[in-house]
Amino acid sequence: MKKKYLISFLVFILIIFSPIFVLYLLEDKNINYLNSVPASIMKKFNQESDNILINLIYSKYNETKYNVKSVDEFQHSVIEKEIQGSYVINETLIKLKELEEIGLLKNDFFVYISYNDQVITRTNNFYGENFNYSNKKLFLSNDNYENAFMSFEVENITGKIIGFKILKEYVVYNKDILKNYINYLDLNSEDWIFESDEIVSKSKNIKIKIENINNFISISLVPYS
C-alpha cells in the first residue's frame, strides 16, 4: 500500500514539475541562441565581400605595415595536361578564366599562352593586419622569362581578382562588361558612375580605375576621394 502511495506521489511530483523542467531546458537553449545571434551577425558582416575588399584597398594606400612572401612556380602553359595517366592543373590559368567568364579577358589570351612550353607564375603574398592578398606575374618561356606577360591581384579571403594589367589586345571592356565585373566583386550599388577612365561609387568610397600604359591596360580597385 505504501509502495502504491509512493508511486502516486512520484507521479504527482513529475506532473507538477515536468513543465517547469521542460521550460528550464527551453529557456537555457533560448538564452544560448540569443547570446550567439549578435556574434554570428557580426561575423557575417565582417565577412561580406565588399567590406573586406574596401578595407583592403584602403589599407594598400594608407602605408599599412605588412609582410611579403615570394614564390616562383613552373607550370604547364595549358589549364589541364595529362601526364602518365594523371591530370595536372594550372591553378593560375583557372583563376584567370573568371575574367573570361565576365567578358574582360579574351580567349585569345589562353590560346597565345598555350604556344609556350611553360609559364612561370611569380607570386608575392602580402599579409598583415588588414592585408591578405597576392600579386601574381606570368613569365613565358618564348620570351625567355624576361618580361612579365601579365599581372593580376587576388584578395585571398574572398578569392576575387581585384586588379590586373595585360596587353590591350587581350582585354575587352565596356559599360556592360564592367557591370559584370562589379557584380563579380559583390560591390553592387545603384550609384556607380561610368566614365571613360574610371567607374566611381560614392556610397562605397571606391572606384575602378582604367589606365592605358603603353601597350597595356590596367584595371584596378582604388580608394575614392
Protein backbone atom coordinates (compact mmCIF):
# COMPACT_ATOMS: atom_id res chain seq x y z
CA MET A 1 0.00 0.00 0.00
CA LYS A 2 2.83 2.34 0.95
CA LYS A 3 4.52 1.48 -2.31
CA LYS A 4 1.35 2.41 -4.20
CA TYR A 5 1.18 5.79 -2.42
CA LEU A 6 4.87 6.36 -3.10
CA ILE A 7 4.41 5.73 -6.82
CA SER A 8 1.37 8.02 -6.89
CA PHE A 9 3.35 10.72 -5.10
CA LEU A 10 6.25 10.46 -7.55
CA VAL A 11 3.84 10.66 -10.48
CA PHE A 12 2.24 13.74 -8.94
CA ILE A 13 5.63 15.39 -8.45
CA LEU A 14 6.60 14.55 -12.00
CA ILE A 15 3.39 16.03 -13.39
CA ILE A 16 3.82 19.21 -11.36
CA PHE A 17 7.48 19.82 -12.06
CA SER A 18 7.87 18.37 -15.56
CA PRO A 19 6.62 21.54 -17.31
CA ILE A 20 8.97 23.62 -15.16
CA PHE A 21 11.89 21.36 -16.05
CA VAL A 22 10.99 21.48 -19.75
CA LEU A 23 10.66 25.27 -19.64
CA TYR A 24 14.04 25.47 -17.93
CA LEU A 25 15.66 23.50 -20.72
CA LEU A 26 13.98 25.60 -23.38
CA GLU A 27 14.91 28.80 -21.61
CA ASP A 28 18.50 27.70 -21.36
CA LYS A 29 18.64 26.86 -25.07
CA ASN A 30 17.00 30.15 -25.98
CA ILE A 31 19.48 32.09 -23.90
CA ASN A 32 22.37 30.36 -25.63
CA TYR A 33 20.80 31.05 -29.01
CA LEU A 34 20.16 34.71 -28.26
CA ASN A 35 23.69 35.16 -27.00
CA SER A 36 25.06 33.71 -30.21
CA VAL A 37 22.98 35.82 -32.59
CA PRO A 38 24.91 39.11 -32.28
CA ALA A 39 28.22 37.30 -32.71
CA SER A 40 27.00 35.47 -35.79
CA ILE A 41 25.63 38.67 -37.30
CA MET A 42 28.93 40.46 -36.70
CA LYS A 43 30.87 37.56 -38.15
CA LYS A 44 28.71 37.58 -41.26
CA PHE A 45 29.08 41.36 -41.59
CA ASN A 46 32.85 41.19 -41.29
CA GLN A 47 32.98 38.51 -43.97
CA GLU A 48 30.94 40.42 -46.54
CA SER A 49 32.92 40.73 -49.74
CA ASP A 50 32.56 44.48 -50.17
CA ASN A 51 33.56 45.13 -46.58
CA ILE A 52 36.70 43.01 -46.92
CA LEU A 53 37.65 44.37 -50.33
CA ILE A 54 37.18 48.01 -49.37
CA ASN A 55 39.18 47.61 -46.14
CA LEU A 56 41.99 46.01 -48.12
CA ILE A 57 42.02 48.68 -50.82
CA TYR A 58 42.28 51.49 -48.29
CA SER A 59 44.97 49.62 -46.34
CA LYS A 60 47.04 49.28 -49.51
CA TYR A 61 47.15 53.05 -49.99
CA ASN A 62 47.49 54.09 -46.33
CA GLU A 63 51.04 52.85 -45.73
CA THR A 64 49.78 49.92 -43.68
CA LYS A 65 52.55 47.65 -42.42
CA TYR A 66 52.70 44.22 -43.97
CA ASN A 67 54.95 41.26 -44.74
CA VAL A 68 55.70 39.73 -48.13
CA LYS A 69 56.45 36.15 -49.08
CA SER A 70 57.52 35.34 -52.65
CA VAL A 71 57.50 32.08 -54.57
CA ASP A 72 58.08 31.09 -58.22
CA GLU A 73 56.21 28.18 -59.72
CA PHE A 74 56.89 26.48 -63.06
CA GLN A 75 53.62 25.36 -64.64
CA HIS A 76 52.36 23.98 -67.91
CA SER A 77 51.03 26.59 -70.30
CA VAL A 78 47.59 24.98 -70.55
CA ILE A 79 44.81 24.72 -67.97
CA GLU A 80 44.94 20.94 -67.81
CA LYS A 81 47.51 18.44 -69.03
CA GLU A 82 47.59 14.68 -68.79
CA ILE A 83 50.91 13.24 -67.63
CA GLN A 84 51.27 9.47 -67.24
CA GLY A 85 47.57 8.99 -66.70
CA SER A 86 47.19 11.84 -64.20
CA TYR A 87 45.89 15.34 -64.88
CA VAL A 88 47.95 18.34 -63.78
CA ILE A 89 46.05 21.57 -63.27
CA ASN A 90 47.34 25.11 -63.75
CA GLU A 91 45.51 26.90 -60.94
CA THR A 92 46.68 30.32 -62.14
CA LEU A 93 45.01 29.95 -65.53
CA ILE A 94 41.88 28.52 -63.93
CA LYS A 95 41.68 31.66 -61.79
CA LEU A 96 42.06 33.89 -64.85
CA LYS A 97 39.17 32.06 -66.50
CA GLU A 98 36.95 34.04 -64.10
CA LEU A 99 37.83 37.19 -66.05
CA GLU A 100 36.95 35.46 -69.31
CA GLU A 101 33.54 34.48 -67.92
CA ILE A 102 32.92 38.13 -67.05
CA GLY A 103 33.90 39.14 -70.57
CA LEU A 104 37.02 41.13 -69.65
CA LEU A 105 39.54 38.62 -70.94
CA LYS A 106 39.59 37.21 -74.47
CA ASN A 107 40.06 33.50 -75.08
CA ASP A 108 42.94 34.50 -77.37
CA PHE A 109 44.92 35.10 -74.18
CA PHE A 110 44.80 31.40 -73.26
CA VAL A 111 45.49 30.36 -76.85
CA TYR A 112 48.64 32.50 -77.00
CA ILE A 113 49.95 31.17 -73.68
CA SER A 114 49.41 27.59 -74.87
CA TYR A 115 52.02 28.16 -77.61
CA ASN A 116 54.65 28.28 -74.86
CA ASP A 117 56.32 25.26 -73.33
CA GLN A 118 55.92 26.53 -69.79
CA VAL A 119 54.87 29.54 -67.80
CA ILE A 120 56.34 30.84 -64.54
CA THR A 121 53.93 32.30 -62.01
CA ARG A 122 55.72 34.59 -59.57
CA THR A 123 53.52 35.12 -56.53
CA ASN A 124 54.08 37.80 -53.92
CA ASN A 125 51.84 37.17 -50.91
CA PHE A 126 51.12 40.30 -48.89
CA TYR A 127 49.79 39.83 -45.39
CA GLY A 128 49.28 41.90 -42.26
CA GLU A 129 46.51 43.23 -40.03
CA ASN A 130 44.30 44.29 -42.96
CA PHE A 131 46.37 42.68 -45.69
CA ASN A 132 45.69 39.33 -47.27
CA TYR A 133 46.22 39.41 -51.00
CA SER A 134 48.54 38.13 -53.70
CA ASN A 135 50.17 39.73 -56.69
CA LYS A 136 50.86 37.25 -59.48
CA LYS A 137 53.05 37.82 -62.54
CA LEU A 138 53.24 35.50 -65.53
CA PHE A 139 56.50 34.95 -67.43
CA LEU A 140 56.54 32.94 -70.67
CA SER A 141 59.19 30.57 -71.99
CA ASN A 142 59.01 32.02 -75.52
CA ASP A 143 60.20 35.30 -74.02
CA ASN A 144 62.98 33.54 -72.06
CA TYR A 145 61.10 34.53 -68.88
CA GLU A 146 62.47 38.07 -69.20
CA ASN A 147 59.31 40.20 -69.07
CA ALA A 148 56.01 39.70 -67.28
CA PHE A 149 53.33 38.93 -69.85
CA MET A 150 50.60 39.99 -67.44
CA SER A 151 49.98 40.52 -63.73
CA PHE A 152 46.93 40.34 -61.52
CA GLU A 153 45.96 40.63 -57.86
CA VAL A 154 43.73 38.34 -55.81
CA GLU A 155 42.15 39.19 -52.46
CA ASN A 156 42.78 35.91 -50.63
CA ILE A 157 39.75 35.82 -48.31
CA THR A 158 37.08 36.42 -50.94
CA GLY A 159 39.15 34.98 -53.79
CA LYS A 160 38.24 37.94 -56.03
CA ILE A 161 40.56 39.34 -58.69
CA ILE A 162 40.85 42.98 -57.63
CA GLY A 163 43.07 44.23 -60.44
CA PHE A 164 45.08 43.20 -63.46
CA LYS A 165 47.43 44.52 -66.13
CA ILE A 166 47.54 42.95 -69.57
CA LEU A 167 48.29 43.66 -73.23
CA LYS A 168 45.47 45.67 -74.82
CA GLU A 169 44.79 43.07 -77.48
CA TYR A 170 43.59 40.55 -74.90
CA VAL A 171 41.15 42.69 -72.92
CA VAL A 172 37.65 43.97 -73.68
CA TYR A 173 35.77 46.46 -71.53
CA ASN A 174 32.59 48.43 -71.93
CA LYS A 175 29.78 49.51 -69.63
CA ASP A 176 28.02 46.12 -69.61
CA ILE A 177 31.23 44.15 -69.02
CA LEU A 178 32.27 46.49 -66.23
CA LYS A 179 28.85 46.00 -64.63
CA ASN A 180 29.57 42.27 -64.74
CA TYR A 181 32.88 42.93 -63.01
CA ILE A 182 31.15 44.97 -60.28
CA ASN A 183 28.70 42.11 -59.73
CA TYR A 184 31.59 39.63 -59.64
CA LEU A 185 33.23 41.71 -56.89
CA ASP A 186 29.95 41.84 -54.91
CA LEU A 187 30.20 45.64 -54.93
CA ASN A 188 26.65 46.16 -56.12
CA SER A 189 25.08 49.57 -55.60
CA GLU A 190 22.96 51.91 -57.67
CA ASP A 191 25.25 54.92 -57.59
CA TRP A 192 28.07 53.70 -59.85
CA ILE A 193 29.02 56.48 -62.28
CA PHE A 194 30.58 55.26 -65.54
CA GLU A 195 33.20 57.47 -67.14
CA SER A 196 35.88 56.88 -69.75
CA ASP A 197 38.75 56.11 -67.41
CA GLU A 198 37.07 55.21 -64.12
CA ILE A 199 33.87 53.96 -62.51
CA VAL A 200 33.01 55.57 -59.19
CA SER A 201 30.77 54.57 -56.28
CA LYS A 202 30.50 57.36 -53.69
CA SER A 203 28.47 55.20 -51.31
CA LYS A 204 31.26 52.62 -51.17
CA ASN A 205 34.10 55.19 -51.39
CA ILE A 206 35.83 53.18 -54.07
CA LYS A 207 36.44 53.31 -57.79
CA ILE A 208 37.58 51.07 -60.61
CA LYS A 209 40.43 52.84 -62.39
CA ILE A 210 41.29 52.14 -66.03
CA GLU A 211 44.72 53.14 -67.30
CA ASN A 212 46.40 52.90 -70.70
CA ILE A 213 50.11 52.23 -70.16
CA ASN A 214 51.93 51.90 -73.48
CA ASN A 215 50.68 48.57 -74.92
CA PHE A 216 48.98 47.55 -71.68
CA ILE A 217 45.63 48.12 -70.00
CA SER A 218 45.48 48.29 -66.22
CA ILE A 219 42.16 47.87 -64.39
CA SER A 220 42.28 48.15 -60.60
CA LEU A 221 40.29 48.98 -57.48
CA VAL A 222 41.46 52.13 -55.69
CA PRO A 223 40.07 54.41 -52.96
CA TYR A 224 37.71 57.17 -54.00
CA SER A 225 38.17 60.65 -52.55
